[in-house]
Amino acid sequence: VVCSDITPYQNDIPAWRVPNRFRDWVKTIRELISDRDALAQAGDAIREHVLNHWMLEDHLDSWLKAWLP
């Protein structure tokens, strides 16, 4: 995951945060695709993080509190 380095994305998700400028995004993406093995490992890491921390069924109480009166 490549994302802008802004407050909503400044958390513990294993992602590349880049300044919100076109040239920084292009540079980061080019660097990432140059090493496909490292990119695959990073994909595995973020998948594992999402499965361990962000699955909806693990946070149903929080969602119900947010949506119900």
PDB file of N, CA and C in Angstrom:
ATOM      1  N   VAL A   1       0.844  -1.182   0.000  1.00  0.00           N
ATOM      2  CA  VAL A   1       0.000   0.000   0.000  1.00  0.00           C
ATOM      3  C   VAL A   1       0.883   1.236   0.000  1.00  0.00           C
ATOM      4  N   VAL A   2       0.575   2.128  -0.903  1.00  0.00           N
ATOM      5  CA  VAL A   2       1.208   3.440  -0.941  1.00  0.00           C
ATOM      6  C   VAL A   2       0.095   4.429  -0.632  1.00  0.00           C
ATOM      7  N   CYS A   3       0.345   5.329   0.303  1.00  0.00           N
ATOM      8  CA  CYS A   3      -0.672   6.308   0.674  1.00  0.00           C
ATOM      9  C   CYS A   3      -0.018   7.653   0.958  1.00  0.00           C
ATOM     10  N   SER A   4      -0.845   8.690   0.912  1.00  0.00           N
ATOM     11  CA  SER A   4      -0.348  10.022   1.253  1.00  0.00           C
ATOM     12  C   SER A   4      -0.036  10.069   2.746  1.00  0.00           C
ATOM     13  N   ASP A   5       0.981  10.795   3.084  1.00  0.00           N
ATOM     14  CA  ASP A   5       1.387  10.905   4.478  1.00  0.00           C
ATOM     15  C   ASP A   5       0.540  11.972   5.164  1.00  0.00           C
ATOM     16  N   ILE A   6      -0.718  11.605   5.404  1.00  0.00           N
ATOM     17  CA  ILE A   6      -1.648  12.505   6.081  1.00  0.00           C
ATOM     18  C   ILE A   6      -2.192  11.793   7.323  1.00  0.00           C
ATOM     19  N   THR A   7      -2.769  12.552   8.215  1.00  0.00           N
ATOM     20  CA  THR A   7      -3.173  12.051   9.531  1.00  0.00           C
ATOM     21  C   THR A   7      -3.953  10.738   9.506  1.00  0.00           C
ATOM     22  N   PRO A   8      -4.982  10.563   8.677  1.00  0.00           N
ATOM     23  CA  PRO A   8      -5.737   9.306   8.751  1.00  0.00           C
ATOM     24  C   PRO A   8      -4.899   8.052   8.482  1.00  0.00           C
ATOM     25  N   TYR A   9      -3.802   8.201   7.763  1.00  0.00           N
ATOM     26  CA  TYR A   9      -2.986   7.047   7.394  1.00  0.00           C
ATOM     27  C   TYR A   9      -1.723   6.914   8.234  1.00  0.00           C
ATOM     28  N   GLN A  10      -1.560   7.760   9.224  1.00  0.00           N
ATOM     29  CA  GLN A  10      -0.369   7.706  10.067  1.00  0.00           C
ATOM     30  C   GLN A  10      -0.653   6.804  11.268  1.00  0.00           C
ATOM     31  N   ASN A  11      -0.678   5.521  11.003  1.00  0.00           N
ATOM     32  CA  ASN A  11      -0.931   4.533  12.038  1.00  0.00           C
ATOM     33  C   ASN A  11       0.053   3.387  11.868  1.00  0.00           C
ATOM     34  N   ASP A  12      -0.259   2.275  12.455  1.00  0.00           N
ATOM     35  CA  ASP A  12       0.704   1.174  12.450  1.00  0.00           C
ATOM     36  C   ASP A  12       0.577   0.234  11.263  1.00  0.00           C
ATOM     37  N   ILE A  13      -0.210   0.584  10.268  1.00  0.00           N
ATOM     38  CA  ILE A  13      -0.317  -0.267   9.076  1.00  0.00           C
ATOM     39  C   ILE A  13       0.999  -0.226   8.313  1.00  0.00           C
ATOM     40  N   PRO A  14       1.516  -1.384   7.909  1.00  0.00           N
ATOM     41  CA  PRO A  14       2.778  -1.412   7.160  1.00  0.00           C
ATOM     42  C   PRO A  14       2.578  -0.932   5.722  1.00  0.00           C
ATOM     43  N   ALA A  15       2.682   0.375   5.542  1.00  0.00           N
ATOM     44  CA  ALA A  15       2.464   0.979   4.236  1.00  0.00           C
ATOM     45  C   ALA A  15       3.557   2.006   3.975  1.00  0.00           C
ATOM     46  N   TRP A  16       3.697   2.373   2.711  1.00  0.00           N
ATOM     47  CA  TRP A  16       4.626   3.444   2.354  1.00  0.00           C
ATOM     48  C   TRP A  16       3.845   4.738   2.354  1.00  0.00           C
ATOM     49  N   ARG A  17       4.226   5.644   3.217  1.00  0.00           N
ATOM     50  CA  ARG A  17       3.591   6.962   3.282  1.00  0.00           C
ATOM     51  C   ARG A  17       4.490   7.960   2.559  1.00  0.00           C
ATOM     52  N   VAL A  18       3.913   8.643   1.593  1.00  0.00           N
ATOM     53  CA  VAL A  18       4.698   9.583   0.797  1.00  0.00           C
ATOM     54  C   VAL A  18       4.038  10.961   0.830  1.00  0.00           C
ATOM     55  N   PRO A  19       4.838  12.006   0.651  1.00  0.00           N
ATOM     56  CA  PRO A  19       4.236  13.338   0.557  1.00  0.00           C
ATOM     57  C   PRO A  19       3.215  13.355  -0.577  1.00  0.00           C
ATOM     58  N   ASN A  20       2.220  14.175  -0.428  1.00  0.00           N
ATOM     59  CA  ASN A  20       1.126  14.213  -1.396  1.00  0.00           C
ATOM     60  C   ASN A  20       1.513  15.031  -2.631  1.00  0.00           C
ATOM     61  N   ARG A  21       2.572  14.548  -3.289  1.00  0.00           N
ATOM     62  CA  ARG A  21       3.063  15.190  -4.513  1.00  0.00           C
ATOM     63  C   ARG A  21       3.280  14.106  -5.575  1.00  0.00           C
ATOM     64  N   PHE A  22       2.914  14.428  -6.782  1.00  0.00           N
ATOM     65  CA  PHE A  22       3.007  13.483  -7.886  1.00  0.00           C
ATOM     66  C   PHE A  22       4.385  12.857  -8.000  1.00  0.00           C
ATOM     67  N   ARG A  23       5.430  13.664  -7.974  1.00  0.00           N
ATOM     68  CA  ARG A  23       6.783  13.135  -8.198  1.00  0.00           C
ATOM     69  C   ARG A  23       7.197  12.164  -7.094  1.00  0.00           C
ATOM     70  N   ASP A  24       6.732  12.397  -5.861  1.00  0.00           N
ATOM     71  CA  ASP A  24       7.058  11.481  -4.772  1.00  0.00           C
ATOM     72  C   ASP A  24       6.335  10.148  -4.936  1.00  0.00           C
ATOM     73  N   TRP A  25       5.099  10.210  -5.399  1.00  0.00           N
ATOM     74  CA  TRP A  25       4.353   8.978  -5.647  1.00  0.00           C
ATOM     75  C   TRP A  25       5.024   8.162  -6.755  1.00  0.00           C
ATOM     76  N   VAL A  26       5.352   8.808  -7.847  1.00  0.00           N
ATOM     77  CA  VAL A  26       5.975   8.108  -8.979  1.00  0.00           C
ATOM     78  C   VAL A  26       7.304   7.497  -8.549  1.00  0.00           C
ATOM     79  N   LYS A  27       8.121   8.258  -7.831  1.00  0.00           N
ATOM     80  CA  LYS A  27       9.421   7.758  -7.370  1.00  0.00           C
ATOM     81  C   LYS A  27       9.235   6.528  -6.482  1.00  0.00           C
ATOM     82  N   THR A  28       8.313   6.602  -5.540  1.00  0.00           N
ATOM     83  CA  THR A  28       8.076   5.484  -4.621  1.00  0.00           C
ATOM     84  C   THR A  28       7.580   4.252  -5.368  1.00  0.00           C
ATOM     85  N   ILE A  29       6.631   4.429  -6.254  1.00  0.00           N
ATOM     86  CA  ILE A  29       6.096   3.296  -7.011  1.00  0.00           C
ATOM     87  C   ILE A  29       7.177   2.669  -7.878  1.00  0.00           C
ATOM     88  N   ARG A  30       7.981   3.468  -8.514  1.00  0.00           N
ATOM     89  CA  ARG A  30       9.065   2.920  -9.351  1.00  0.00           C
ATOM     90  C   ARG A  30      10.060   2.127  -8.503  1.00  0.00           C
ATOM     91  N   GLU A  31      10.386   2.656  -7.321  1.00  0.00           N
ATOM     92  CA  GLU A  31      11.305   1.936  -6.437  1.00  0.00           C
ATOM     93  C   GLU A  31      10.703   0.607  -5.993  1.00  0.00           C
ATOM     94  N   LEU A  32       9.417   0.616  -5.680  1.00  0.00           N
ATOM     95  CA  LEU A  32       8.771  -0.606  -5.207  1.00  0.00           C
ATOM     96  C   LEU A  32       8.702  -1.686  -6.276  1.00  0.00           C
ATOM     97  N   ILE A  33       8.371  -1.309  -7.486  1.00  0.00           N
ATOM     98  CA  ILE A  33       8.235  -2.337  -8.529  1.00  0.00           C
ATOM     99  C   ILE A  33       9.582  -2.838  -9.032  1.00  0.00           C
ATOM    100  N   SER A  34      10.650  -2.174  -8.642  1.00  0.00           N
ATOM    101  CA  SER A  34      11.965  -2.639  -9.086  1.00  0.00           C
ATOM    102  C   SER A  34      12.418  -3.886  -8.323  1.00  0.00           C
ATOM    103  N   ASP A  35      11.812  -4.174  -7.184  1.00  0.00           N
ATOM    104  CA  ASP A  35      12.160  -5.369  -6.401  1.00  0.00           C
ATOM    105  C   ASP A  35      10.876  -6.138  -6.104  1.00  0.00           C
ATOM    106  N   ARG A  36      10.497  -6.982  -7.032  1.00  0.00           N
ATOM    107  CA  ARG A  36       9.226  -7.711  -6.935  1.00  0.00           C
ATOM    108  C   ARG A  36       9.173  -8.634  -5.722  1.00  0.00           C
ATOM    109  N   ASP A  37      10.298  -9.242  -5.355  1.00  0.00           N
ATOM    110  CA  ASP A  37      10.302 -10.137  -4.192  1.00  0.00           C
ATOM    111  C   ASP A  37      10.021  -9.366  -2.908  1.00  0.00           C
ATOM    112  N   ALA A  38      10.658  -8.217  -2.743  1.00  0.00           N
ATOM    113  CA  ALA A  38      10.417  -7.386  -1.559  1.00  0.00           C
ATOM    114  C   ALA A  38       8.974  -6.882  -1.560  1.00  0.00           C
ATOM    115  N   LEU A  39       8.458  -6.564  -2.727  1.00  0.00           N
ATOM    116  CA  LEU A  39       7.091  -6.094  -2.839  1.00  0.00           C
ATOM    117  C   LEU A  39       6.106  -7.197  -2.439  1.00  0.00           C
ATOM    118  N   ALA A  40       6.381  -8.421  -2.848  1.00  0.00           N
ATOM    119  CA  ALA A  40       5.531  -9.553  -2.466  1.00  0.00           C
ATOM    120  C   ALA A  40       5.570  -9.770  -0.955  1.00  0.00           C
ATOM    121  N   GLN A  41       6.746  -9.654  -0.358  1.00  0.00           N
ATOM    122  CA  GLN A  41       6.850  -9.800   1.094  1.00  0.00           C
ATOM    123  C   GLN A  41       6.081  -8.696   1.816  1.00  0.00           C
ATOM    124  N   ALA A  42       6.145  -7.483   1.293  1.00  0.00           N
ATOM    125  CA  ALA A  42       5.402  -6.374   1.884  1.00  0.00           C
ATOM    126  C   ALA A  42       3.896  -6.616   1.761  1.00  0.00           C
ATOM    127  N   GLY A  43       3.474  -7.165   0.640  1.00  0.00           N
ATOM    128  CA  GLY A  43       2.061  -7.511   0.458  1.00  0.00           C
ATOM    129  C   GLY A  43       1.612  -8.549   1.459  1.00  0.00           C
ATOM    130  N   ASP A  44       2.449  -9.541   1.698  1.00  0.00           N
ATOM    131  CA  ASP A  44       2.140 -10.560   2.705  1.00  0.00           C
ATOM    132  C   ASP A  44       2.026  -9.933   4.096  1.00  0.00           C
ATOM    133  N   ALA A  45       2.917  -8.987   4.403  1.00  0.00           N
ATOM    134  CA  ALA A  45       2.914  -8.340   5.717  1.00  0.00           C
ATOM    135  C   ALA A  45       1.646  -7.527   5.932  1.00  0.00           C
ATOM    136  N   ILE A  46       1.228  -6.791   4.913  1.00  0.00           N
ATOM    137  CA  ILE A  46       0.015  -5.981   5.112  1.00  0.00           C
ATOM    138  C   ILE A  46      -1.228  -6.865   5.151  1.00  0.00           C
ATOM    139  N   ARG A  47      -1.256  -7.936   4.381  1.00  0.00           N
ATOM    140  CA  ARG A  47      -2.379  -8.875   4.448  1.00  0.00           C
ATOM    141  C   ARG A  47      -2.499  -9.446   5.855  1.00  0.00           C
ATOM    142  N   GLU A  48      -1.373  -9.856   6.409  1.00  0.00           N
ATOM    143  CA  GLU A  48      -1.365 -10.408   7.765  1.00  0.00           C
ATOM    144  C   GLU A  48      -1.836  -9.363   8.781  1.00  0.00           C
ATOM    145  N   HIS A  49      -1.384  -8.127   8.617  1.00  0.00           N
ATOM    146  CA  HIS A  49      -1.794  -7.058   9.529  1.00  0.00           C
ATOM    147  C   HIS A  49      -3.307  -6.830   9.459  1.00  0.00           C
ATOM    148  N   VAL A  50      -3.844  -6.783   8.253  1.00  0.00           N
ATOM    149  CA  VAL A  50      -5.289  -6.583   8.092  1.00  0.00           C
ATOM    150  C   VAL A  50      -6.056  -7.743   8.713  1.00  0.00           C
ATOM    151  N   LEU A  51      -5.629  -8.957   8.444  1.00  0.00           N
ATOM    152  CA  LEU A  51      -6.325 -10.114   9.010  1.00  0.00           C
ATOM    153  C   LEU A  51      -6.275 -10.128  10.533  1.00  0.00           C
ATOM    154  N   ASN A  52      -5.186  -9.666  11.106  1.00  0.00           N
ATOM    155  CA  ASN A  52      -5.033  -9.681  12.562  1.00  0.00           C
ATOM    156  C   ASN A  52      -5.691  -8.493  13.265  1.00  0.00           C
ATOM    157  N   HIS A  53      -5.866  -7.367  12.578  1.00  0.00           N
ATOM    158  CA  HIS A  53      -6.298  -6.154  13.270  1.00  0.00           C
ATOM    159  C   HIS A  53      -7.524  -5.455  12.699  1.00  0.00           C
ATOM    160  N   TRP A  54      -7.926  -5.762  11.487  1.00  0.00           N
ATOM    161  CA  TRP A  54      -8.949  -4.941  10.849  1.00  0.00           C
ATOM    162  C   TRP A  54     -10.154  -5.706  10.311  1.00  0.00           C
ATOM    163  N   MET A  55     -10.336  -6.928  10.732  1.00  0.00           N
ATOM    164  CA  MET A  55     -11.488  -7.686  10.249  1.00  0.00           C
ATOM    165  C   MET A  55     -12.754  -7.214  10.963  1.00  0.00           C
ATOM    166  N   LEU A  56     -13.803  -6.979  10.205  1.00  0.00           N
ATOM    167  CA  LEU A  56     -15.034  -6.426  10.738  1.00  0.00           C
ATOM    168  C   LEU A  56     -15.595  -7.268  11.884  1.00  0.00           C
ATOM    169  N   GLU A  57     -15.600  -8.573  11.727  1.00  0.00           N
ATOM    170  CA  GLU A  57     -16.208  -9.405  12.766  1.00  0.00           C
ATOM    171  C   GLU A  57     -15.479  -9.315  14.108  1.00  0.00           C
ATOM    172  N   ASP A  58     -14.247  -8.841  14.100  1.00  0.00           N
ATOM    173  CA  ASP A  58     -13.512  -8.656  15.357  1.00  0.00           C
ATOM    174  C   ASP A  58     -13.832  -7.331  16.031  1.00  0.00           C
ATOM    175  N   HIS A  59     -14.591  -6.462  15.342  1.00  0.00           N
ATOM    176  CA  HIS A  59     -14.874  -5.122  15.855  1.00  0.00           C
ATOM    177  C   HIS A  59     -16.363  -4.772  15.752  1.00  0.00           C
ATOM    178  N   LEU A  60     -17.206  -5.777  15.801  1.00  0.00           N
ATOM    179  CA  LEU A  60     -18.633  -5.528  15.628  1.00  0.00           C
ATOM    180  C   LEU A  60     -19.201  -4.611  16.701  1.00  0.00           C
ATOM    181  N   ASP A  61     -18.768  -4.751  17.939  1.00  0.00           N
ATOM    182  CA  ASP A  61     -19.278  -3.888  19.004  1.00  0.00           C
ATOM    183  C   ASP A  61     -19.006  -2.422  18.703  1.00  0.00           C
ATOM    184  N   SER A  62     -17.818  -2.119  18.231  1.00  0.00           N
ATOM    185  CA  SER A  62     -17.478  -0.732  17.896  1.00  0.00           C
ATOM    186  C   SER A  62     -18.351  -0.212  16.764  1.00  0.00           C
ATOM    187  N   TRP A  63     -18.580  -1.039  15.755  1.00  0.00           N
ATOM    188  CA  TRP A  63     -19.409  -0.616  14.631  1.00  0.00           C
ATOM    189  C   TRP A  63     -20.864  -0.431  15.060  1.00  0.00           C
ATOM    190  N   LEU A  64     -21.367  -1.330  15.904  1.00  0.00           N
ATOM    191  CA  LEU A  64     -22.736  -1.180  16.361  1.00  0.00           C
ATOM    192  C   LEU A  64     -22.913   0.085  17.178  1.00  0.00           C
ATOM    193  N   LYS A  65     -21.960   0.412  18.022  1.00  0.00           N
ATOM    194  CA  LYS A  65     -22.035   1.650  18.808  1.00  0.00           C
ATOM    195  C   LYS A  65     -22.025   2.876  17.905  1.00  0.00           C
ATOM    196  N   ALA A  66     -21.275   2.810  16.827  1.00  0.00           N
ATOM    197  CA  ALA A  66     -21.185   3.945  15.921  1.00  0.00           C
ATOM    198  C   ALA A  66     -22.462   4.129  15.101  1.00  0.00           C
ATOM    199  N   TRP A  67     -23.122   3.038  14.738  1.00  0.00           N
ATOM    200  CA  TRP A  67     -24.266   3.116  13.831  1.00  0.00           C
ATOM    201  C   TRP A  67     -25.624   3.116  14.522  1.00  0.00           C
ATOM    202  N   LEU A  68     -25.683   2.560  15.709  1.00  0.00           N
ATOM    203  CA  LEU A  68     -26.982   2.473  16.398  1.00  0.00           C
ATOM    204  C   LEU A  68     -27.097   3.514  17.495  1.00  0.00           C
ATOM    205  N   PRO A  69     -28.334   3.929  17.803  1.00  0.00           N
ATOM    206  CA  PRO A  69     -28.502   4.930  18.875  1.00  0.00           C
ATOM    207  C   PRO A  69     -28.127   4.375  20.247  1.00  0.00           C
TER     208      PRO A  69
END
